[in-house]
Amino acid sequence: MHELSISISLVEQALAIMQKEGDKRARRMTLEVGAFSGISIEALHFCFPEATKGTALENCHLIIKQIPLCIYCPTCKKEVILKDPFIMCSHCHEVQVEVIRGKEFNLLSMEVE
């Protein structure tokens, strides 16, 4: 479960930012996670509280916005949001496509005091 190491790294980075800014406690953290990032949102929600124990992020509310997988098909020149895990254009069935969105893992914001 690499979501625990991701959670620990996220907490370390957030604590570094908070220390630099002089913040005492984080109340809320908002992330965006791509559907094709390889990160399980459920596992991240499970691991995050454990990674925050004893830190200024303990009891921080984690909000995760999932970014759908979006591809560009050079054959039919369309952007397509995929619901299936199969990376192919749903219009023309081309498999040589470009992933536009869906690999993200970004810290969007933190509400601190």
C-alpha atoms as a PDB file:
ATOM      1  CA  MET A   1       0.000   0.000   0.000  1.00  0.00           C
ATOM      2  CA  HIS A   2       1.994   2.960  -1.278  1.00  0.00           C
ATOM      3  CA  GLU A   3      -0.747   5.360  -0.134  1.00  0.00           C
ATOM      4  CA  LEU A   4       0.794   5.323   3.361  1.00  0.00           C
ATOM      5  CA  SER A   5       4.159   6.529   2.037  1.00  0.00           C
ATOM      6  CA  ILE A   6       2.327   9.094  -0.110  1.00  0.00           C
ATOM      7  CA  SER A   7       0.419  10.274   2.973  1.00  0.00           C
ATOM      8  CA  ILE A   8       3.613  10.553   5.024  1.00  0.00           C
ATOM      9  CA  SER A   9       5.324  12.519   2.260  1.00  0.00           C
ATOM     10  CA  LEU A  10       2.305  14.794   1.908  1.00  0.00           C
ATOM     11  CA  VAL A  11       2.268  15.466   5.657  1.00  0.00           C
ATOM     12  CA  GLU A  12       6.007  16.211   5.667  1.00  0.00           C
ATOM     13  CA  GLN A  13       5.634  18.684   2.811  1.00  0.00           C
ATOM     14  CA  ALA A  14       2.605  20.346   4.413  1.00  0.00           C
ATOM     15  CA  LEU A  15       4.431  20.665   7.742  1.00  0.00           C
ATOM     16  CA  ALA A  16       7.404  22.289   5.984  1.00  0.00           C
ATOM     17  CA  ILE A  17       5.087  24.821   4.348  1.00  0.00           C
ATOM     18  CA  MET A  18       3.296  25.486   7.631  1.00  0.00           C
ATOM     19  CA  GLN A  19       6.584  25.999   9.487  1.00  0.00           C
ATOM     20  CA  LYS A  20       7.791  28.427   6.834  1.00  0.00           C
ATOM     21  CA  GLU A  21       4.516  30.390   7.018  1.00  0.00           C
ATOM     22  CA  GLY A  22       4.267  30.248  10.829  1.00  0.00           C
ATOM     23  CA  ASP A  23       1.008  28.311  10.867  1.00  0.00           C
ATOM     24  CA  LYS A  24       0.078  26.279  13.945  1.00  0.00           C
ATOM     25  CA  ARG A  25      -2.546  23.786  12.796  1.00  0.00           C
ATOM     26  CA  ALA A  26      -4.150  22.577   9.583  1.00  0.00           C
ATOM     27  CA  ARG A  27      -7.913  22.227   9.575  1.00  0.00           C
ATOM     28  CA  ARG A  28      -8.561  21.151   6.001  1.00  0.00           C
ATOM     29  CA  MET A  29      -6.493  19.963   3.053  1.00  0.00           C
ATOM     30  CA  THR A  30      -7.772  19.681  -0.509  1.00  0.00           C
ATOM     31  CA  LEU A  31      -6.104  17.423  -3.056  1.00  0.00           C
ATOM     32  CA  GLU A  32      -6.808  16.527  -6.640  1.00  0.00           C
ATOM     33  CA  VAL A  33      -6.103  12.945  -7.618  1.00  0.00           C
ATOM     34  CA  GLY A  34      -6.288  11.700 -11.172  1.00  0.00           C
ATOM     35  CA  ALA A  35      -8.236   8.545 -11.935  1.00  0.00           C
ATOM     36  CA  PHE A  36      -5.137   7.238 -13.749  1.00  0.00           C
ATOM     37  CA  SER A  37      -2.626   8.283 -11.061  1.00  0.00           C
ATOM     38  CA  GLY A  38      -2.385   4.819  -9.545  1.00  0.00           C
ATOM     39  CA  ILE A  39      -3.524   6.176  -6.182  1.00  0.00           C
ATOM     40  CA  SER A  40      -6.519   4.656  -4.441  1.00  0.00           C
ATOM     41  CA  ILE A  41      -8.638   7.429  -2.956  1.00  0.00           C
ATOM     42  CA  GLU A  42     -10.125   5.029  -0.419  1.00  0.00           C
ATOM     43  CA  ALA A  43      -6.673   3.889   0.717  1.00  0.00           C
ATOM     44  CA  LEU A  44      -5.479   7.505   0.907  1.00  0.00           C
ATOM     45  CA  HIS A  45      -8.451   8.392   3.136  1.00  0.00           C
ATOM     46  CA  PHE A  46      -7.577   5.385   5.297  1.00  0.00           C
ATOM     47  CA  CYS A  47      -3.831   6.134   5.563  1.00  0.00           C
ATOM     48  CA  PHE A  48      -3.890   9.924   5.919  1.00  0.00           C
ATOM     49  CA  PRO A  49      -5.151  10.028   9.554  1.00  0.00           C
ATOM     50  CA  GLU A  50      -2.409   7.597  10.573  1.00  0.00           C
ATOM     51  CA  ALA A  51       0.261   9.735   8.905  1.00  0.00           C
ATOM     52  CA  THR A  52      -0.974  12.863  10.691  1.00  0.00           C
ATOM     53  CA  LYS A  53      -0.994  11.439  14.231  1.00  0.00           C
ATOM     54  CA  GLY A  54       0.985  13.596  16.627  1.00  0.00           C
ATOM     55  CA  THR A  55       1.481  16.374  14.061  1.00  0.00           C
ATOM     56  CA  ALA A  56      -0.075  19.771  13.394  1.00  0.00           C
ATOM     57  CA  LEU A  57      -2.202  18.030  10.779  1.00  0.00           C
ATOM     58  CA  GLU A  58      -3.829  15.608  13.224  1.00  0.00           C
ATOM     59  CA  ASN A  59      -7.630  15.727  12.742  1.00  0.00           C
ATOM     60  CA  CYS A  60      -7.157  17.629   9.478  1.00  0.00           C
ATOM     61  CA  HIS A  61     -10.131  17.043   7.165  1.00  0.00           C
ATOM     62  CA  LEU A  62      -8.958  15.606   3.839  1.00  0.00           C
ATOM     63  CA  ILE A  63     -10.948  16.559   0.753  1.00  0.00           C
ATOM     64  CA  ILE A  64     -10.109  14.747  -2.470  1.00  0.00           C
ATOM     65  CA  LYS A  65     -11.336  15.839  -5.869  1.00  0.00           C
ATOM     66  CA  GLN A  66     -10.998  13.059  -8.406  1.00  0.00           C
ATOM     67  CA  ILE A  67      -9.918  14.118 -11.883  1.00  0.00           C
ATOM     68  CA  PRO A  68     -11.353  11.829 -14.572  1.00  0.00           C
ATOM     69  CA  LEU A  69      -9.163  10.264 -17.215  1.00  0.00           C
ATOM     70  CA  CYS A  70      -9.302  12.416 -20.342  1.00  0.00           C
ATOM     71  CA  ILE A  71      -7.588  11.531 -23.608  1.00  0.00           C
ATOM     72  CA  TYR A  72      -7.029  13.227 -26.944  1.00  0.00           C
ATOM     73  CA  CYS A  73      -7.524  11.115 -30.045  1.00  0.00           C
ATOM     74  CA  PRO A  74      -5.376  12.277 -32.974  1.00  0.00           C
ATOM     75  CA  THR A  75      -7.449  10.202 -35.398  1.00  0.00           C
ATOM     76  CA  CYS A  76     -10.838  11.807 -34.783  1.00  0.00           C
ATOM     77  CA  LYS A  77      -9.359  14.907 -33.092  1.00  0.00           C
ATOM     78  CA  LYS A  78     -11.586  14.686 -30.031  1.00  0.00           C
ATOM     79  CA  GLU A  79     -11.045  14.928 -26.308  1.00  0.00           C
ATOM     80  CA  VAL A  80     -12.780  12.048 -24.572  1.00  0.00           C
ATOM     81  CA  ILE A  81     -13.427  11.467 -20.871  1.00  0.00           C
ATOM     82  CA  LEU A  82     -13.095   7.745 -20.222  1.00  0.00           C
ATOM     83  CA  LYS A  83     -15.131   5.835 -17.697  1.00  0.00           C
ATOM     84  CA  ASP A  84     -13.590   2.438 -18.440  1.00  0.00           C
ATOM     85  CA  PRO A  85      -9.986   1.555 -17.580  1.00  0.00           C
ATOM     86  CA  PHE A  86      -9.304   0.809 -21.256  1.00  0.00           C
ATOM     87  CA  ILE A  87      -7.371   3.650 -22.835  1.00  0.00           C
ATOM     88  CA  MET A  88      -8.879   3.966 -26.273  1.00  0.00           C
ATOM     89  CA  CYS A  89     -11.060   6.461 -28.066  1.00  0.00           C
ATOM     90  CA  SER A  90     -14.710   5.644 -27.496  1.00  0.00           C
ATOM     91  CA  HIS A  91     -15.597   7.250 -30.845  1.00  0.00           C
ATOM     92  CA  CYS A  92     -13.231   5.554 -33.296  1.00  0.00           C
ATOM     93  CA  HIS A  93     -11.581   2.899 -31.040  1.00  0.00           C
ATOM     94  CA  GLU A  94      -8.085   4.248 -31.695  1.00  0.00           C
ATOM     95  CA  VAL A  95      -5.565   3.076 -29.066  1.00  0.00           C
ATOM     96  CA  GLN A  96      -2.749   5.491 -29.984  1.00  0.00           C
ATOM     97  CA  VAL A  97      -4.094   8.339 -27.858  1.00  0.00           C
ATOM     98  CA  GLU A  98      -2.602  10.995 -25.587  1.00  0.00           C
ATOM     99  CA  VAL A  99      -3.549  11.241 -21.912  1.00  0.00           C
ATOM    100  CA  ILE A 100      -4.469  14.871 -21.228  1.00  0.00           C
ATOM    101  CA  ARG A 101      -5.759  14.645 -17.646  1.00  0.00           C
ATOM    102  CA  GLY A 102      -6.078  11.959 -15.052  1.00  0.00           C
ATOM    103  CA  LYS A 103      -2.506  11.447 -13.795  1.00  0.00           C
ATOM    104  CA  GLU A 104      -2.555  14.392 -11.366  1.00  0.00           C
ATOM    105  CA  PHE A 105      -1.720  14.361  -7.702  1.00  0.00           C
ATOM    106  CA  ASN A 106      -1.753  17.934  -6.438  1.00  0.00           C
ATOM    107  CA  LEU A 107      -2.170  19.723  -3.161  1.00  0.00           C
ATOM    108  CA  LEU A 108      -4.691  22.425  -4.055  1.00  0.00           C
ATOM    109  CA  SER A 109      -5.132  24.162  -0.731  1.00  0.00           C
ATOM    110  CA  MET A 110      -4.769  24.017   3.039  1.00  0.00           C
ATOM    111  CA  GLU A 111      -6.915  25.802   5.572  1.00  0.00           C
ATOM    112  CA  VAL A 112      -4.654  26.660   8.505  1.00  0.00           C
ATOM    113  CA  GLU A 113      -4.682  28.717  11.668  1.00  0.00           C
END
